Amino acid sequence: MTYEQALAITKRAFEEELRRHNWDRVKAYEEMMLREDRDPQLREAFHVAGLHYVFATRH
């Protein structure tokens, strides 16, 4: 999975949760953490995007 694919997956999932929870970012974030446990593809996307962020901001 590339970074662009991972970012698209996480962005789409977060926007779905935002719409479900009437744009409440806290509830959407909490639901994303629960969804991560149930969806292996979303979990992998979080890891790929997170690793990219960590290594891209490393000094």
N, C-alpha and C. Protein backbone atom coordinates (compact mmCIF):
# COMPACT_ATOMS: atom_id res chain seq x y z
N MET A 1 0.85 -1.17 0.00
CA MET A 1 0.00 0.00 0.00
C MET A 1 0.91 1.24 0.00
N THR A 2 0.61 2.17 -0.89
CA THR A 2 1.39 3.40 -0.95
C THR A 2 0.83 4.42 0.03
N TYR A 3 1.59 5.47 0.26
CA TYR A 3 1.14 6.53 1.15
C TYR A 3 -0.13 7.18 0.61
N GLU A 4 -0.19 7.41 -0.70
CA GLU A 4 -1.37 8.05 -1.30
C GLU A 4 -2.62 7.20 -1.11
N GLN A 5 -2.48 5.89 -1.28
CA GLN A 5 -3.61 4.99 -1.07
C GLN A 5 -4.05 5.00 0.39
N ALA A 6 -3.08 4.95 1.29
CA ALA A 6 -3.39 4.95 2.72
C ALA A 6 -4.09 6.24 3.12
N LEU A 7 -3.60 7.35 2.61
CA LEU A 7 -4.20 8.65 2.92
C LEU A 7 -5.63 8.72 2.41
N ALA A 8 -5.87 8.20 1.21
CA ALA A 8 -7.22 8.22 0.64
C ALA A 8 -8.18 7.37 1.48
N ILE A 9 -7.72 6.20 1.92
CA ILE A 9 -8.56 5.31 2.73
C ILE A 9 -8.91 5.97 4.06
N THR A 10 -7.92 6.53 4.74
CA THR A 10 -8.18 7.14 6.05
C THR A 10 -9.03 8.40 5.91
N LYS A 11 -8.77 9.18 4.87
CA LYS A 11 -9.55 10.41 4.67
C LYS A 11 -11.02 10.07 4.39
N ARG A 12 -11.25 9.08 3.52
CA ARG A 12 -12.62 8.68 3.20
C ARG A 12 -13.35 8.16 4.44
N ALA A 13 -12.67 7.34 5.24
CA ALA A 13 -13.29 6.79 6.45
C ALA A 13 -13.59 7.89 7.46
N PHE A 14 -12.68 8.84 7.62
CA PHE A 14 -12.91 9.92 8.59
C PHE A 14 -14.06 10.82 8.14
N GLU A 15 -14.14 11.10 6.84
CA GLU A 15 -15.23 11.93 6.33
C GLU A 15 -16.58 11.23 6.50
N GLU A 16 -16.61 9.91 6.33
CA GLU A 16 -17.84 9.15 6.57
C GLU A 16 -18.27 9.29 8.01
N GLU A 17 -17.33 9.17 8.94
CA GLU A 17 -17.66 9.29 10.36
C GLU A 17 -18.07 10.71 10.72
N LEU A 18 -17.45 11.69 10.12
CA LEU A 18 -17.85 13.08 10.37
C LEU A 18 -19.31 13.30 9.96
N ARG A 19 -19.67 12.80 8.80
CA ARG A 19 -21.06 12.95 8.35
C ARG A 19 -22.03 12.20 9.26
N ARG A 20 -21.63 11.01 9.70
CA ARG A 20 -22.50 10.23 10.60
C ARG A 20 -22.71 10.91 11.94
N HIS A 21 -21.72 11.65 12.41
CA HIS A 21 -21.79 12.27 13.74
C HIS A 21 -21.98 13.78 13.66
N ASN A 22 -22.58 14.25 12.56
CA ASN A 22 -22.91 15.67 12.41
C ASN A 22 -21.71 16.58 12.61
N TRP A 23 -20.59 16.21 12.03
CA TRP A 23 -19.36 17.00 12.00
C TRP A 23 -18.73 17.19 13.37
N ASP A 24 -19.05 16.32 14.32
CA ASP A 24 -18.40 16.33 15.64
C ASP A 24 -17.09 15.56 15.53
N ARG A 25 -15.98 16.28 15.52
CA ARG A 25 -14.67 15.68 15.27
C ARG A 25 -14.26 14.71 16.38
N VAL A 26 -14.64 14.98 17.61
CA VAL A 26 -14.27 14.10 18.72
C VAL A 26 -14.97 12.75 18.58
N LYS A 27 -16.26 12.77 18.31
CA LYS A 27 -17.00 11.51 18.14
C LYS A 27 -16.48 10.75 16.92
N ALA A 28 -16.19 11.48 15.86
CA ALA A 28 -15.68 10.84 14.65
C ALA A 28 -14.33 10.19 14.92
N TYR A 29 -13.46 10.86 15.67
CA TYR A 29 -12.15 10.31 16.01
C TYR A 29 -12.31 9.04 16.84
N GLU A 30 -13.19 9.09 17.84
CA GLU A 30 -13.41 7.91 18.68
C GLU A 30 -13.93 6.74 17.84
N GLU A 31 -14.84 7.02 16.93
CA GLU A 31 -15.38 5.96 16.08
C GLU A 31 -14.30 5.41 15.16
N MET A 32 -13.39 6.26 14.70
CA MET A 32 -12.29 5.79 13.85
C MET A 32 -11.40 4.82 14.61
N MET A 33 -11.16 5.08 15.87
CA MET A 33 -10.34 4.17 16.67
C MET A 33 -11.03 2.82 16.83
N LEU A 34 -12.35 2.82 16.98
CA LEU A 34 -13.10 1.57 17.07
C LEU A 34 -13.11 0.85 15.73
N ARG A 35 -13.26 1.61 14.65
CA ARG A 35 -13.26 1.02 13.31
C ARG A 35 -11.92 0.40 12.96
N GLU A 36 -10.87 1.00 13.47
CA GLU A 36 -9.52 0.48 13.20
C GLU A 36 -9.39 -0.96 13.70
N ASP A 37 -10.02 -1.25 14.84
CA ASP A 37 -9.96 -2.61 15.40
C ASP A 37 -10.72 -3.62 14.53
N ARG A 38 -11.76 -3.18 13.84
CA ARG A 38 -12.59 -4.09 13.06
C ARG A 38 -12.16 -4.21 11.60
N ASP A 39 -11.43 -3.23 11.10
CA ASP A 39 -11.11 -3.18 9.66
C ASP A 39 -9.59 -3.27 9.45
N PRO A 40 -9.08 -4.42 9.02
CA PRO A 40 -7.64 -4.58 8.85
C PRO A 40 -7.04 -3.63 7.80
N GLN A 41 -7.81 -3.32 6.75
CA GLN A 41 -7.30 -2.41 5.72
C GLN A 41 -7.13 -1.00 6.28
N LEU A 42 -8.08 -0.57 7.09
CA LEU A 42 -7.98 0.76 7.72
C LEU A 42 -6.82 0.78 8.70
N ARG A 43 -6.62 -0.30 9.44
CA ARG A 43 -5.50 -0.38 10.38
C ARG A 43 -4.18 -0.25 9.64
N GLU A 44 -4.05 -0.97 8.53
CA GLU A 44 -2.82 -0.88 7.75
C GLU A 44 -2.62 0.53 7.18
N ALA A 45 -3.70 1.15 6.75
CA ALA A 45 -3.61 2.51 6.21
C ALA A 45 -3.15 3.48 7.29
N PHE A 46 -3.65 3.33 8.51
CA PHE A 46 -3.19 4.18 9.62
C PHE A 46 -1.69 4.00 9.85
N HIS A 47 -1.22 2.77 9.81
CA HIS A 47 0.20 2.50 10.04
C HIS A 47 1.06 3.11 8.95
N VAL A 48 0.65 2.93 7.69
CA VAL A 48 1.43 3.46 6.58
C VAL A 48 1.47 4.99 6.63
N ALA A 49 0.32 5.61 6.84
CA ALA A 49 0.28 7.08 6.91
C ALA A 49 1.06 7.58 8.12
N GLY A 50 0.95 6.88 9.23
CA GLY A 50 1.67 7.29 10.43
C GLY A 50 3.18 7.17 10.28
N LEU A 51 3.64 6.08 9.69
CA LEU A 51 5.07 5.90 9.47
C LEU A 51 5.61 6.95 8.51
N HIS A 52 4.84 7.26 7.49
CA HIS A 52 5.26 8.29 6.54
C HIS A 52 5.42 9.63 7.26
N TYR A 53 4.46 9.95 8.12
CA TYR A 53 4.51 11.21 8.86
C TYR A 53 5.72 11.23 9.79
N VAL A 54 5.97 10.16 10.50
CA VAL A 54 7.08 10.09 11.45
C VAL A 54 8.41 10.27 10.74
N PHE A 55 8.61 9.55 9.65
CA PHE A 55 9.90 9.64 8.96
C PHE A 55 10.04 10.92 8.16
N ALA A 56 8.94 11.50 7.71
CA ALA A 56 9.00 12.75 6.94
C ALA A 56 9.32 13.93 7.83
N THR A 57 8.96 13.86 9.11
CA THR A 57 9.21 14.99 10.01
C THR A 57 10.43 14.79 10.89
N ARG A 58 11.15 13.71 10.66
CA ARG A 58 12.34 13.42 11.46
C ARG A 58 13.47 14.36 11.06
N HIS A 59 14.21 14.84 12.03
CA HIS A 59 15.32 15.77 11.74
C HIS A 59 16.65 15.06 11.81
